[in-house]
Structure formats: structure tokens, C-alpha cells
Amino acid sequence: MEPTTGPGTGPNRRGASVVQLICRAYGLSDPSEITMEHIHRYVADRRRTEERSHQLRERFRAHIPRPRASDDAA
């Protein structure tokens, strides 16, 4: 089996399973090493990351005023 190279093969590629992501996140060599604590910590970290990125997106979203319609007051 040849290793895959090119775009979409990095550590954030979409084809990785949650088990693979947890192993990478905590340096586990085998999926059998995963404990419930690893799973809970991974889920909590992902939630915090999502919340933080959502807050940043909202804060830095460009405010583009809507165009005025012809019947809007000046």
C-alpha cells in the first residue's frame, strides 16, 4: 500500500476517524489505549474550540450595511 500525498492528507484532513484524531491528540499508539477520560477530554476541548472560533467569527465579521431601497427614508 502506497502512502497518500497531496492536499487533504495533513493532520486535519476530513477522512480521519474520531479514534484516529484522539490517538493523534494524546499521542496514543494504539486505539486500545483510549479511555473514557480521553474521549471526554477530547469532546470538551472540541466544544471549547468551536465556541471560541464562533465568538471570533462574530467579533471579526465585517459589518456590511444593506443597500437602501428607494422607499427608505434618507
PDB file of N, CA and C in Angstrom:
ATOM      1  N   MET A   1       0.837  -1.177   0.000  1.00  0.00           N
ATOM      2  CA  MET A   1       0.000   0.000   0.000  1.00  0.00           C
ATOM      3  C   MET A   1       0.884   1.244   0.000  1.00  0.00           C
ATOM      4  N   GLU A   2       0.635   2.154  -0.922  1.00  0.00           N
ATOM      5  CA  GLU A   2       1.446   3.347  -1.040  1.00  0.00           C
ATOM      6  C   GLU A   2       0.896   4.453  -0.152  1.00  0.00           C
ATOM      7  N   PRO A   3       1.784   5.261   0.456  1.00  0.00           N
ATOM      8  CA  PRO A   3       1.294   6.372   1.268  1.00  0.00           C
ATOM      9  C   PRO A   3       0.649   7.428   0.379  1.00  0.00           C
ATOM     10  N   THR A   4      -0.402   8.043   0.883  1.00  0.00           N
ATOM     11  CA  THR A   4      -1.061   9.088   0.109  1.00  0.00           C
ATOM     12  C   THR A   4      -0.384  10.415   0.379  1.00  0.00           C
ATOM     13  N   THR A   5      -0.226  11.201  -0.664  1.00  0.00           N
ATOM     14  CA  THR A   5       0.371  12.524  -0.541  1.00  0.00           C
ATOM     15  C   THR A   5      -0.494  13.514  -1.292  1.00  0.00           C
ATOM     16  N   GLY A   6      -0.299  14.773  -0.976  1.00  0.00           N
ATOM     17  CA  GLY A   6      -1.041  15.807  -1.668  1.00  0.00           C
ATOM     18  C   GLY A   6      -2.007  16.511  -0.744  1.00  0.00           C
ATOM     19  N   PRO A   7      -2.849  17.383  -1.317  1.00  0.00           N
ATOM     20  CA  PRO A   7      -3.776  18.135  -0.480  1.00  0.00           C
ATOM     21  C   PRO A   7      -4.770  17.209   0.208  1.00  0.00           C
ATOM     22  N   GLY A   8      -5.139  17.572   1.411  1.00  0.00           N
ATOM     23  CA  GLY A   8      -6.121  16.790   2.149  1.00  0.00           C
ATOM     24  C   GLY A   8      -5.549  15.589   2.866  1.00  0.00           C
ATOM     25  N   THR A   9      -4.213  15.493   2.961  1.00  0.00           N
ATOM     26  CA  THR A   9      -3.621  14.357   3.655  1.00  0.00           C
ATOM     27  C   THR A   9      -2.921  14.776   4.936  1.00  0.00           C
ATOM     28  N   GLY A  10      -3.067  16.031   5.328  1.00  0.00           N
ATOM     29  CA  GLY A  10      -2.429  16.527   6.545  1.00  0.00           C
ATOM     30  C   GLY A  10      -3.162  16.067   7.788  1.00  0.00           C
ATOM     31  N   PRO A  11      -2.757  16.583   8.958  1.00  0.00           N
ATOM     32  CA  PRO A  11      -3.368  16.142  10.208  1.00  0.00           C
ATOM     33  C   PRO A  11      -4.830  16.565  10.354  1.00  0.00           C
ATOM     34  N   ASN A  12      -5.291  17.513   9.572  1.00  0.00           N
ATOM     35  CA  ASN A  12      -6.670  17.983   9.682  1.00  0.00           C
ATOM     36  C   ASN A  12      -7.556  17.503   8.545  1.00  0.00           C
ATOM     37  N   ARG A  13      -7.149  16.470   7.875  1.00  0.00           N
ATOM     38  CA  ARG A  13      -7.952  16.006   6.753  1.00  0.00           C
ATOM     39  C   ARG A  13      -9.293  15.470   7.253  1.00  0.00           C
ATOM     40  N   ARG A  14     -10.288  15.492   6.385  1.00  0.00           N
ATOM     41  CA  ARG A  14     -11.645  15.118   6.761  1.00  0.00           C
ATOM     42  C   ARG A  14     -11.842  13.611   6.864  1.00  0.00           C
ATOM     43  N   GLY A  15     -10.995  12.797   6.268  1.00  0.00           N
ATOM     44  CA  GLY A  15     -11.193  11.362   6.256  1.00  0.00           C
ATOM     45  C   GLY A  15     -10.779  10.656   7.539  1.00  0.00           C
ATOM     46  N   ALA A  16     -10.171  11.363   8.486  1.00  0.00           N
ATOM     47  CA  ALA A  16      -9.708  10.736   9.717  1.00  0.00           C
ATOM     48  C   ALA A  16     -10.886  10.457  10.639  1.00  0.00           C
ATOM     49  N   SER A  17     -10.864   9.298  11.266  1.00  0.00           N
ATOM     50  CA  SER A  17     -11.935   8.954  12.199  1.00  0.00           C
ATOM     51  C   SER A  17     -11.678   9.621  13.546  1.00  0.00           C
ATOM     52  N   VAL A  18     -12.694   9.638  14.371  1.00  0.00           N
ATOM     53  CA  VAL A  18     -12.556  10.221  15.704  1.00  0.00           C
ATOM     54  C   VAL A  18     -11.509   9.451  16.506  1.00  0.00           C
ATOM     55  N   VAL A  19     -11.473   8.153  16.330  1.00  0.00           N
ATOM     56  CA  VAL A  19     -10.477   7.332  17.028  1.00  0.00           C
ATOM     57  C   VAL A  19      -9.065   7.772  16.634  1.00  0.00           C
ATOM     58  N   GLN A  20      -8.843   7.986  15.332  1.00  0.00           N
ATOM     59  CA  GLN A  20      -7.528   8.436  14.879  1.00  0.00           C
ATOM     60  C   GLN A  20      -7.211   9.819  15.418  1.00  0.00           C
ATOM     61  N   LEU A  21      -8.199  10.704  15.448  1.00  0.00           N
ATOM     62  CA  LEU A  21      -7.971  12.054  15.966  1.00  0.00           C
ATOM     63  C   LEU A  21      -7.610  12.031  17.446  1.00  0.00           C
ATOM     64  N   ILE A  22      -8.290  11.191  18.220  1.00  0.00           N
ATOM     65  CA  ILE A  22      -7.983  11.085  19.650  1.00  0.00           C
ATOM     66  C   ILE A  22      -6.581  10.517  19.846  1.00  0.00           C
ATOM     67  N   CYS A  23      -6.231   9.508  19.085  1.00  0.00           N
ATOM     68  CA  CYS A  23      -4.880   8.943  19.185  1.00  0.00           C
ATOM     69  C   CYS A  23      -3.820   9.997  18.876  1.00  0.00           C
ATOM     70  N   ARG A  24      -4.044  10.780  17.840  1.00  0.00           N
ATOM     71  CA  ARG A  24      -3.084  11.835  17.493  1.00  0.00           C
ATOM     72  C   ARG A  24      -3.030  12.916  18.551  1.00  0.00           C
ATOM     73  N   ALA A  25      -4.193  13.302  19.083  1.00  0.00           N
ATOM     74  CA  ALA A  25      -4.248  14.397  20.049  1.00  0.00           C
ATOM     75  C   ALA A  25      -3.502  14.060  21.335  1.00  0.00           C
ATOM     76  N   TYR A  26      -3.544  12.797  21.750  1.00  0.00           N
ATOM     77  CA  TYR A  26      -2.949  12.417  23.031  1.00  0.00           C
ATOM     78  C   TYR A  26      -1.742  11.511  22.892  1.00  0.00           C
ATOM     79  N   GLY A  27      -1.222  11.371  21.676  1.00  0.00           N
ATOM     80  CA  GLY A  27      -0.004  10.614  21.464  1.00  0.00           C
ATOM     81  C   GLY A  27      -0.136   9.129  21.757  1.00  0.00           C
ATOM     82  N   LEU A  28      -1.308   8.575  21.506  1.00  0.00           N
ATOM     83  CA  LEU A  28      -1.531   7.159  21.747  1.00  0.00           C
ATOM     84  C   LEU A  28      -1.119   6.373  20.507  1.00  0.00           C
ATOM     85  N   SER A  29      -0.460   5.253  20.703  1.00  0.00           N
ATOM     86  CA  SER A  29      -0.003   4.470  19.562  1.00  0.00           C
ATOM     87  C   SER A  29      -1.043   3.466  19.089  1.00  0.00           C
ATOM     88  N   ASP A  30      -2.016   3.163  19.936  1.00  0.00           N
ATOM     89  CA  ASP A  30      -2.994   2.142  19.594  1.00  0.00           C
ATOM     90  C   ASP A  30      -4.374   2.559  20.098  1.00  0.00           C
ATOM     91  N   PRO A  31      -5.424   2.349  19.315  1.00  0.00           N
ATOM     92  CA  PRO A  31      -6.778   2.717  19.771  1.00  0.00           C
ATOM     93  C   PRO A  31      -7.211   2.016  21.052  1.00  0.00           C
ATOM     94  N   SER A  32      -6.612   0.886  21.368  1.00  0.00           N
ATOM     95  CA  SER A  32      -6.995   0.180  22.601  1.00  0.00           C
ATOM     96  C   SER A  32      -6.560   0.947  23.852  1.00  0.00           C
ATOM     97  N   GLU A  33      -5.689   1.943  23.693  1.00  0.00           N
ATOM     98  CA  GLU A  33      -5.229   2.759  24.826  1.00  0.00           C
ATOM     99  C   GLU A  33      -6.216   3.860  25.187  1.00  0.00           C
ATOM    100  N   ILE A  34      -7.210   4.102  24.349  1.00  0.00           N
ATOM    101  CA  ILE A  34      -8.167   5.180  24.595  1.00  0.00           C
ATOM    102  C   ILE A  34      -9.048   4.832  25.791  1.00  0.00           C
ATOM    103  N   THR A  35      -9.153   5.787  26.710  1.00  0.00           N
ATOM    104  CA  THR A  35     -10.022   5.609  27.871  1.00  0.00           C
ATOM    105  C   THR A  35     -11.194   6.578  27.762  1.00  0.00           C
ATOM    106  N   MET A  36     -12.166   6.420  28.649  1.00  0.00           N
ATOM    107  CA  MET A  36     -13.313   7.332  28.667  1.00  0.00           C
ATOM    108  C   MET A  36     -12.850   8.755  28.969  1.00  0.00           C
ATOM    109  N   GLU A  37     -11.809   8.884  29.782  1.00  0.00           N
ATOM    110  CA  GLU A  37     -11.291  10.227  30.082  1.00  0.00           C
ATOM    111  C   GLU A  37     -10.748  10.894  28.821  1.00  0.00           C
ATOM    112  N   HIS A  38     -10.052  10.136  27.974  1.00  0.00           N
ATOM    113  CA  HIS A  38      -9.569  10.687  26.704  1.00  0.00           C
ATOM    114  C   HIS A  38     -10.741  11.197  25.869  1.00  0.00           C
ATOM    115  N   ILE A  39     -11.802  10.407  25.806  1.00  0.00           N
ATOM    116  CA  ILE A  39     -12.967  10.780  24.999  1.00  0.00           C
ATOM    117  C   ILE A  39     -13.617  12.031  25.552  1.00  0.00           C
ATOM    118  N   HIS A  40     -13.848  12.072  26.879  1.00  0.00           N
ATOM    119  CA  HIS A  40     -14.484  13.247  27.488  1.00  0.00           C
ATOM    120  C   HIS A  40     -13.625  14.494  27.315  1.00  0.00           C
ATOM    121  N   ARG A  41     -12.315  14.345  27.492  1.00  0.00           N
ATOM    122  CA  ARG A  41     -11.425  15.493  27.347  1.00  0.00           C
ATOM    123  C   ARG A  41     -11.415  15.981  25.899  1.00  0.00           C
ATOM    124  N   TYR A  42     -11.392  15.042  24.947  1.00  0.00           N
ATOM    125  CA  TYR A  42     -11.388  15.416  23.528  1.00  0.00           C
ATOM    126  C   TYR A  42     -12.667  16.170  23.160  1.00  0.00           C
ATOM    127  N   VAL A  43     -13.809  15.673  23.618  1.00  0.00           N
ATOM    128  CA  VAL A  43     -15.086  16.320  23.318  1.00  0.00           C
ATOM    129  C   VAL A  43     -15.134  17.706  23.944  1.00  0.00           C
ATOM    130  N   ALA A  44     -14.696  17.838  25.197  1.00  0.00           N
ATOM    131  CA  ALA A  44     -14.696  19.139  25.871  1.00  0.00           C
ATOM    132  C   ALA A  44     -13.774  20.125  25.153  1.00  0.00           C
ATOM    133  N   ASP A  45     -12.602  19.657  24.734  1.00  0.00           N
ATOM    134  CA  ASP A  45     -11.666  20.523  24.007  1.00  0.00           C
ATOM    135  C   ASP A  45     -12.265  20.986  22.684  1.00  0.00           C
ATOM    136  N   ARG A  46     -12.918  20.076  21.975  1.00  0.00           N
ATOM    137  CA  ARG A  46     -13.544  20.435  20.695  1.00  0.00           C
ATOM    138  C   ARG A  46     -14.652  21.465  20.901  1.00  0.00           C
ATOM    139  N   ARG A  47     -15.463  21.283  21.941  1.00  0.00           N
ATOM    140  CA  ARG A  47     -16.538  22.251  22.218  1.00  0.00           C
ATOM    141  C   ARG A  47     -15.970  23.627  22.519  1.00  0.00           C
ATOM    142  N   ARG A  48     -14.927  23.677  23.366  1.00  0.00           N
ATOM    143  CA  ARG A  48     -14.311  24.971  23.686  1.00  0.00           C
ATOM    144  C   ARG A  48     -13.741  25.626  22.434  1.00  0.00           C
ATOM    145  N   THR A  49     -13.103  24.831  21.587  1.00  0.00           N
ATOM    146  CA  THR A  49     -12.530  25.362  20.350  1.00  0.00           C
ATOM    147  C   THR A  49     -13.625  25.904  19.442  1.00  0.00           C
ATOM    148  N   GLU A  50     -14.724  25.169  19.313  1.00  0.00           N
ATOM    149  CA  GLU A  50     -15.839  25.627  18.474  1.00  0.00           C
ATOM    150  C   GLU A  50     -16.443  26.914  19.016  1.00  0.00           C
ATOM    151  N   GLU A  51     -16.646  26.997  20.329  1.00  0.00           N
ATOM    152  CA  GLU A  51     -17.206  28.204  20.932  1.00  0.00           C
ATOM    153  C   GLU A  51     -16.285  29.396  20.711  1.00  0.00           C
ATOM    154  N   ARG A  52     -14.987  29.173  20.926  1.00  0.00           N
ATOM    155  CA  ARG A  52     -14.018  30.251  20.757  1.00  0.00           C
ATOM    156  C   ARG A  52     -13.980  30.725  19.311  1.00  0.00           C
ATOM    157  N   SER A  53     -13.982  29.797  18.361  1.00  0.00           N
ATOM    158  CA  SER A  53     -13.919  30.205  16.955  1.00  0.00           C
ATOM    159  C   SER A  53     -15.220  30.893  16.539  1.00  0.00           C
ATOM    160  N   HIS A  54     -16.350  30.463  17.099  1.00  0.00           N
ATOM    161  CA  HIS A  54     -17.624  31.125  16.790  1.00  0.00           C
ATOM    162  C   HIS A  54     -17.602  32.564  17.306  1.00  0.00           C
ATOM    163  N   GLN A  55     -17.097  32.761  18.529  1.00  0.00           N
ATOM    164  CA  GLN A  55     -17.011  34.110  19.087  1.00  0.00           C
ATOM    165  C   GLN A  55     -16.099  34.993  18.252  1.00  0.00           C
ATOM    166  N   LEU A  56     -14.982  34.444  17.811  1.00  0.00           N
ATOM    167  CA  LEU A  56     -14.061  35.224  16.985  1.00  0.00           C
ATOM    168  C   LEU A  56     -14.678  35.563  15.637  1.00  0.00           C
ATOM    169  N   ARG A  57     -15.385  34.602  15.042  1.00  0.00           N
ATOM    170  CA  ARG A  57     -16.045  34.883  13.758  1.00  0.00           C
ATOM    171  C   ARG A  57     -17.058  36.003  13.913  1.00  0.00           C
ATOM    172  N   GLU A  58     -17.830  35.968  14.996  1.00  0.00           N
ATOM    173  CA  GLU A  58     -18.835  37.011  15.217  1.00  0.00           C
ATOM    174  C   GLU A  58     -18.169  38.361  15.442  1.00  0.00           C
ATOM    175  N   ARG A  59     -17.078  38.374  16.208  1.00  0.00           N
ATOM    176  CA  ARG A  59     -16.423  39.636  16.528  1.00  0.00           C
ATOM    177  C   ARG A  59     -15.790  40.266  15.294  1.00  0.00           C
ATOM    178  N   PHE A  60     -15.179  39.452  14.448  1.00  0.00           N
ATOM    179  CA  PHE A  60     -14.446  39.986  13.309  1.00  0.00           C
ATOM    180  C   PHE A  60     -15.227  39.966  12.007  1.00  0.00           C
ATOM    181  N   ARG A  61     -16.505  39.592  12.070  1.00  0.00           N
ATOM    182  CA  ARG A  61     -17.327  39.598  10.862  1.00  0.00           C
ATOM    183  C   ARG A  61     -17.485  41.040  10.389  1.00  0.00           C
ATOM    184  N   ALA A  62     -17.220  41.250   9.144  1.00  0.00           N
ATOM    185  CA  ALA A  62     -17.332  42.597   8.585  1.00  0.00           C
ATOM    186  C   ALA A  62     -18.797  43.017   8.563  1.00  0.00           C
ATOM    187  N   HIS A  63     -19.051  44.208   9.041  1.00  0.00           N
ATOM    188  CA  HIS A  63     -20.419  44.726   9.008  1.00  0.00           C
ATOM    189  C   HIS A  63     -20.604  45.427   7.665  1.00  0.00           C
ATOM    190  N   ILE A  64     -21.435  44.869   6.846  1.00  0.00           N
ATOM    191  CA  ILE A  64     -21.707  45.435   5.531  1.00  0.00           C
ATOM    192  C   ILE A  64     -23.132  45.960   5.570  1.00  0.00           C
ATOM    193  N   PRO A  65     -23.272  47.268   5.494  1.00  0.00           N
ATOM    194  CA  PRO A  65     -24.630  47.806   5.542  1.00  0.00           C
ATOM    195  C   PRO A  65     -25.436  47.388   4.317  1.00  0.00           C
ATOM    196  N   ARG A  66     -26.707  47.131   4.550  1.00  0.00           N
ATOM    197  CA  ARG A  66     -27.533  46.714   3.437  1.00  0.00           C
ATOM    198  C   ARG A  66     -27.830  47.925   2.558  1.00  0.00           C
ATOM    199  N   PRO A  67     -27.973  47.708   1.276  1.00  0.00           N
ATOM    200  CA  PRO A  67     -28.276  48.828   0.395  1.00  0.00           C
ATOM    201  C   PRO A  67     -29.670  49.378   0.704  1.00  0.00           C
ATOM    202  N   ARG A  68     -29.803  50.651   0.605  1.00  0.00           N
ATOM    203  CA  ARG A  68     -31.104  51.272   0.851  1.00  0.00           C
ATOM    204  C   ARG A  68     -32.035  51.060  -0.324  1.00  0.00           C
ATOM    205  N   ALA A  69     -33.256  50.819   0.011  1.00  0.00           N
ATOM    206  CA  ALA A  69     -34.278  50.705  -1.029  1.00  0.00           C
ATOM    207  C   ALA A  69     -34.738  52.105  -1.400  1.00  0.00           C
ATOM    208  N   SER A  70     -35.362  52.216  -2.532  1.00  0.00           N
ATOM    209  CA  SER A  70     -35.786  53.547  -2.999  1.00  0.00           C
ATOM    210  C   SER A  70     -36.848  54.165  -2.076  1.00  0.00           C
ATOM    211  N   ASP A  71     -37.574  53.360  -1.329  1.00  0.00           N
ATOM    212  CA  ASP A  71     -38.598  53.916  -0.460  1.00  0.00           C
ATOM    213  C   ASP A  71     -38.122  54.139   0.971  1.00  0.00           C
ATOM    214  N   ASP A  72     -36.815  53.895   1.266  1.00  0.00           N
ATOM    215  CA  ASP A  72     -36.259  54.161   2.608  1.00  0.00           C
ATOM    216  C   ASP A  72     -36.129  55.656   2.828  1.00  0.00           C
ATOM    217  N   ALA A  73     -36.319  56.064   4.081  1.00  0.00           N
ATOM    218  CA  ALA A  73     -36.144  57.486   4.435  1.00  0.00           C
ATOM    219  C   ALA A  73     -34.658  57.811   4.415  1.00  0.00           C
ATOM    220  N   ALA A  74     -34.354  58.983   3.978  1.00  0.00           N
ATOM    221  CA  ALA A  74     -32.954  59.385   3.882  1.00  0.00           C
ATOM    222  C   ALA A  74     -32.402  59.856   5.181  1.00  0.00           C
TER     223      ALA A  74
END
